[in-house]
Amino acid sequence: MRDLVGRPRWTLWVVGLSIALNLFLLGFLGAQAWRLHQPEGAAASAGDTLGPGFFRQLARDLPPADARLLLSALGARLPEMIGLRRDWQQAVERLRTDIAQVPYADDKVRADLAAVQAARQKLRPVTEDLLLTILPQMSDEGRRALSQTRVKPGR
């Protein structure tokens, strides 16, 4: 069967399907490019699970009095946490730089990975101490809300 233009109908389906798939591919690639070019703060990184942003997200789900308690405790530790997070980010940047080096230096990358892990481990006790300080002071409702909160990554 032929259409008005004189071409078989199946060729129109193939052309239509090709255009649809190309548009899908264009949209997918555009979304990936957009994600890659987001500012650093727009995406949660591994360090965000222990940094100040983590606690601010937790505070959103708490009763107001418990949120104030959490943010007050965070305020007291914020300079220390920011410094530790900055150290971690600098270690990550050194790792990224050394991964891209030509020629590749395996020993340097291994040392950088160890430095990233060590920097992250310094943040963990501060975070745990912050939680252990406020938990006894929180309401039952606040502790229950805190235990059920799932912090989502930024991406």
C-alpha atoms as a PDB file:
ATOM      1  CA  MET A   1       0.000   0.000   0.000  1.00  0.00           C
ATOM      2  CA  ARG A   2       1.307   3.436  -0.909  1.00  0.00           C
ATOM      3  CA  ASP A   3       0.595   6.777   0.748  1.00  0.00           C
ATOM      4  CA  LEU A   4      -0.054  10.129  -0.931  1.00  0.00           C
ATOM      5  CA  VAL A   5       3.631  10.854  -1.622  1.00  0.00           C
ATOM      6  CA  GLY A   6       4.170   7.580  -3.433  1.00  0.00           C
ATOM      7  CA  ARG A   7       6.346   5.851  -0.832  1.00  0.00           C
ATOM      8  CA  PRO A   8       5.548   2.570   0.857  1.00  0.00           C
ATOM      9  CA  ARG A   9       3.902   3.065   4.263  1.00  0.00           C
ATOM     10  CA  TRP A  10       6.614   1.070   6.099  1.00  0.00           C
ATOM     11  CA  THR A  11       9.298   3.613   5.103  1.00  0.00           C
ATOM     12  CA  LEU A  12       7.287   6.347   6.834  1.00  0.00           C
ATOM     13  CA  TRP A  13       7.199   4.210   9.985  1.00  0.00           C
ATOM     14  CA  VAL A  14      10.959   3.687   9.793  1.00  0.00           C
ATOM     15  CA  VAL A  15      11.590   7.407   9.303  1.00  0.00           C
ATOM     16  CA  GLY A  16       9.218   8.274  12.188  1.00  0.00           C
ATOM     17  CA  LEU A  17      10.842   5.725  14.476  1.00  0.00           C
ATOM     18  CA  SER A  18      14.290   7.011  13.521  1.00  0.00           C
ATOM     19  CA  ILE A  19      13.315  10.589  14.342  1.00  0.00           C
ATOM     20  CA  ALA A  20      11.794   9.506  17.680  1.00  0.00           C
ATOM     21  CA  LEU A  21      14.919   7.568  18.646  1.00  0.00           C
ATOM     22  CA  ASN A  22      17.164  10.464  17.646  1.00  0.00           C
ATOM     23  CA  LEU A  23      15.098  12.865  19.764  1.00  0.00           C
ATOM     24  CA  PHE A  24      15.298  10.462  22.704  1.00  0.00           C
ATOM     25  CA  LEU A  25      19.068  10.160  22.301  1.00  0.00           C
ATOM     26  CA  LEU A  26      19.424  13.934  22.055  1.00  0.00           C
ATOM     27  CA  GLY A  27      17.375  14.393  25.249  1.00  0.00           C
ATOM     28  CA  PHE A  28      19.326  11.712  27.097  1.00  0.00           C
ATOM     29  CA  LEU A  29      22.701  13.138  26.114  1.00  0.00           C
ATOM     30  CA  GLY A  30      21.527  16.655  26.955  1.00  0.00           C
ATOM     31  CA  ALA A  31      20.469  15.507  30.428  1.00  0.00           C
ATOM     32  CA  GLN A  32      23.824  13.825  30.993  1.00  0.00           C
ATOM     33  CA  ALA A  33      25.697  16.935  29.879  1.00  0.00           C
ATOM     34  CA  TRP A  34      23.534  19.084  32.160  1.00  0.00           C
ATOM     35  CA  ARG A  35      24.287  16.813  35.143  1.00  0.00           C
ATOM     36  CA  LEU A  36      28.019  16.967  34.478  1.00  0.00           C
ATOM     37  CA  HIS A  37      28.060  20.757  34.362  1.00  0.00           C
ATOM     38  CA  GLN A  38      26.180  21.383  37.620  1.00  0.00           C
ATOM     39  CA  PRO A  39      28.040  23.415  40.254  1.00  0.00           C
ATOM     40  CA  GLU A  40      29.817  21.429  42.987  1.00  0.00           C
ATOM     41  CA  GLY A  41      27.202  22.308  45.599  1.00  0.00           C
ATOM     42  CA  ALA A  42      24.346  20.989  43.495  1.00  0.00           C
ATOM     43  CA  ALA A  43      25.401  17.382  43.809  1.00  0.00           C
ATOM     44  CA  ALA A  44      25.870  15.483  47.011  1.00  0.00           C
ATOM     45  CA  SER A  45      29.193  13.798  47.297  1.00  0.00           C
ATOM     46  CA  ALA A  46      30.392  11.137  49.681  1.00  0.00           C
ATOM     47  CA  GLY A  47      31.512  13.842  52.082  1.00  0.00           C
ATOM     48  CA  ASP A  48      27.996  15.277  52.263  1.00  0.00           C
ATOM     49  CA  THR A  49      26.820  12.248  54.179  1.00  0.00           C
ATOM     50  CA  LEU A  50      28.859  13.452  57.146  1.00  0.00           C
ATOM     51  CA  GLY A  51      29.072  17.173  56.621  1.00  0.00           C
ATOM     52  CA  PRO A  52      26.948  20.158  57.631  1.00  0.00           C
ATOM     53  CA  GLY A  53      24.518  19.687  54.723  1.00  0.00           C
ATOM     54  CA  PHE A  54      23.657  16.255  56.073  1.00  0.00           C
ATOM     55  CA  PHE A  55      22.537  17.719  59.387  1.00  0.00           C
ATOM     56  CA  ARG A  56      20.573  20.524  57.751  1.00  0.00           C
ATOM     57  CA  GLN A  57      18.639  17.916  55.766  1.00  0.00           C
ATOM     58  CA  LEU A  58      18.006  15.943  58.952  1.00  0.00           C
ATOM     59  CA  ALA A  59      16.722  19.058  60.738  1.00  0.00           C
ATOM     60  CA  ARG A  60      13.995  19.554  58.112  1.00  0.00           C
ATOM     61  CA  ASP A  61      12.256  16.358  59.227  1.00  0.00           C
ATOM     62  CA  LEU A  62      12.434  17.019  62.971  1.00  0.00           C
ATOM     63  CA  PRO A  63       9.974  18.759  65.293  1.00  0.00           C
ATOM     64  CA  PRO A  64      10.944  22.441  65.665  1.00  0.00           C
ATOM     65  CA  ALA A  65      12.477  22.109  69.169  1.00  0.00           C
ATOM     66  CA  ASP A  66      14.592  19.124  68.127  1.00  0.00           C
ATOM     67  CA  ALA A  67      15.639  20.837  64.904  1.00  0.00           C
ATOM     68  CA  ARG A  68      16.814  23.868  66.931  1.00  0.00           C
ATOM     69  CA  LEU A  69      18.760  21.529  69.237  1.00  0.00           C
ATOM     70  CA  LEU A  70      20.428  19.811  66.266  1.00  0.00           C
ATOM     71  CA  LEU A  71      21.278  23.052  64.488  1.00  0.00           C
ATOM     72  CA  SER A  72      22.589  24.609  67.711  1.00  0.00           C
ATOM     73  CA  ALA A  73      24.918  21.656  68.276  1.00  0.00           C
ATOM     74  CA  LEU A  74      25.931  21.845  64.631  1.00  0.00           C
ATOM     75  CA  GLY A  75      26.703  25.546  64.975  1.00  0.00           C
ATOM     76  CA  ALA A  76      29.139  24.799  67.787  1.00  0.00           C
ATOM     77  CA  ARG A  77      30.965  22.225  65.643  1.00  0.00           C
ATOM     78  CA  LEU A  78      30.569  23.908  62.262  1.00  0.00           C
ATOM     79  CA  PRO A  79      34.063  25.461  61.968  1.00  0.00           C
ATOM     80  CA  GLU A  80      35.696  22.129  62.787  1.00  0.00           C
ATOM     81  CA  MET A  81      33.432  20.234  60.388  1.00  0.00           C
ATOM     82  CA  ILE A  82      33.999  22.728  57.588  1.00  0.00           C
ATOM     83  CA  GLY A  83      37.774  22.471  58.055  1.00  0.00           C
ATOM     84  CA  LEU A  84      37.662  18.669  58.001  1.00  0.00           C
ATOM     85  CA  ARG A  85      35.419  18.692  54.942  1.00  0.00           C
ATOM     86  CA  ARG A  86      37.773  21.118  53.181  1.00  0.00           C
ATOM     87  CA  ASP A  87      40.699  18.771  53.932  1.00  0.00           C
ATOM     88  CA  TRP A  88      38.699  15.885  52.470  1.00  0.00           C
ATOM     89  CA  GLN A  89      37.819  17.871  49.338  1.00  0.00           C
ATOM     90  CA  GLN A  90      41.455  18.871  48.825  1.00  0.00           C
ATOM     91  CA  ALA A  91      42.508  15.229  49.129  1.00  0.00           C
ATOM     92  CA  VAL A  92      39.886  14.279  46.535  1.00  0.00           C
ATOM     93  CA  GLU A  93      41.133  16.992  44.177  1.00  0.00           C
ATOM     94  CA  ARG A  94      44.738  15.759  44.527  1.00  0.00           C
ATOM     95  CA  LEU A  95      43.500  12.256  43.715  1.00  0.00           C
ATOM     96  CA  ARG A  96      41.645  13.480  40.619  1.00  0.00           C
ATOM     97  CA  THR A  97      44.704  15.395  39.441  1.00  0.00           C
ATOM     98  CA  ASP A  98      47.001  12.414  39.908  1.00  0.00           C
ATOM     99  CA  ILE A  99      44.588  10.028  38.180  1.00  0.00           C
ATOM    100  CA  ALA A 100      44.718  12.245  35.084  1.00  0.00           C
ATOM    101  CA  GLN A 101      48.527  12.557  35.078  1.00  0.00           C
ATOM    102  CA  VAL A 102      50.491  11.176  32.160  1.00  0.00           C
ATOM    103  CA  PRO A 103      52.335   8.979  32.766  1.00  0.00           C
ATOM    104  CA  TYR A 104      50.126   7.331  35.369  1.00  0.00           C
ATOM    105  CA  ALA A 105      51.833   6.955  38.769  1.00  0.00           C
ATOM    106  CA  ASP A 106      50.233   4.035  40.612  1.00  0.00           C
ATOM    107  CA  ASP A 107      52.064   4.695  43.901  1.00  0.00           C
ATOM    108  CA  LYS A 108      50.930   8.315  43.938  1.00  0.00           C
ATOM    109  CA  VAL A 109      47.297   7.384  43.268  1.00  0.00           C
ATOM    110  CA  ARG A 110      47.400   4.751  46.026  1.00  0.00           C
ATOM    111  CA  ALA A 111      48.793   7.335  48.442  1.00  0.00           C
ATOM    112  CA  ASP A 112      46.087   9.799  47.387  1.00  0.00           C
ATOM    113  CA  LEU A 113      43.376   7.185  47.964  1.00  0.00           C
ATOM    114  CA  ALA A 114      44.744   6.535  51.452  1.00  0.00           C
ATOM    115  CA  ALA A 115      44.764  10.299  52.117  1.00  0.00           C
ATOM    116  CA  VAL A 116      41.121  10.599  50.981  1.00  0.00           C
ATOM    117  CA  GLN A 117      40.110   7.768  53.266  1.00  0.00           C
ATOM    118  CA  ALA A 118      42.071   9.210  56.212  1.00  0.00           C
ATOM    119  CA  ALA A 119      40.518  12.654  55.713  1.00  0.00           C
ATOM    120  CA  ARG A 120      37.030  11.167  55.620  1.00  0.00           C
ATOM    121  CA  GLN A 121      37.698   9.116  58.746  1.00  0.00           C
ATOM    122  CA  LYS A 122      38.581  12.292  60.671  1.00  0.00           C
ATOM    123  CA  LEU A 123      35.077  13.634  60.053  1.00  0.00           C
ATOM    124  CA  ARG A 124      33.290  10.507  61.302  1.00  0.00           C
ATOM    125  CA  PRO A 125      34.078  10.867  65.057  1.00  0.00           C
ATOM    126  CA  VAL A 126      33.008  14.530  65.029  1.00  0.00           C
ATOM    127  CA  THR A 127      29.708  13.556  63.417  1.00  0.00           C
ATOM    128  CA  GLU A 128      29.138  10.681  65.805  1.00  0.00           C
ATOM    129  CA  ASP A 129      29.961  12.849  68.830  1.00  0.00           C
ATOM    130  CA  LEU A 130      27.499  15.475  67.631  1.00  0.00           C
ATOM    131  CA  LEU A 131      24.727  12.888  67.399  1.00  0.00           C
ATOM    132  CA  LEU A 132      25.585  11.313  70.760  1.00  0.00           C
ATOM    133  CA  THR A 133      25.488  14.752  72.369  1.00  0.00           C
ATOM    134  CA  ILE A 134      22.008  15.662  71.156  1.00  0.00           C
ATOM    135  CA  LEU A 135      20.190  12.299  71.170  1.00  0.00           C
ATOM    136  CA  PRO A 136      19.673  12.167  74.970  1.00  0.00           C
ATOM    137  CA  GLN A 137      18.211  15.688  74.860  1.00  0.00           C
ATOM    138  CA  MET A 138      15.773  15.050  71.986  1.00  0.00           C
ATOM    139  CA  SER A 139      12.096  14.245  72.359  1.00  0.00           C
ATOM    140  CA  ASP A 140      10.838  10.728  71.691  1.00  0.00           C
ATOM    141  CA  GLU A 141       9.122  12.039  68.564  1.00  0.00           C
ATOM    142  CA  GLY A 142      12.347  13.691  67.384  1.00  0.00           C
ATOM    143  CA  ARG A 143      14.423  10.538  67.880  1.00  0.00           C
ATOM    144  CA  ARG A 144      11.784   8.495  66.067  1.00  0.00           C
ATOM    145  CA  ALA A 145      11.759  10.996  63.179  1.00  0.00           C
ATOM    146  CA  LEU A 146      15.555  10.992  63.104  1.00  0.00           C
ATOM    147  CA  SER A 147      15.674   7.190  62.980  1.00  0.00           C
ATOM    148  CA  GLN A 148      13.286   7.127  60.020  1.00  0.00           C
ATOM    149  CA  THR A 149      14.884   9.924  58.013  1.00  0.00           C
ATOM    150  CA  ARG A 150      16.675   8.962  54.820  1.00  0.00           C
ATOM    151  CA  VAL A 151      18.917  11.674  53.428  1.00  0.00           C
ATOM    152  CA  LYS A 152      18.842  11.661  49.653  1.00  0.00           C
ATOM    153  CA  PRO A 153      21.858  12.415  47.496  1.00  0.00           C
ATOM    154  CA  GLY A 154      21.646  15.633  45.559  1.00  0.00           C
ATOM    155  CA  ARG A 155      21.654  14.063  42.107  1.00  0.00           C
END
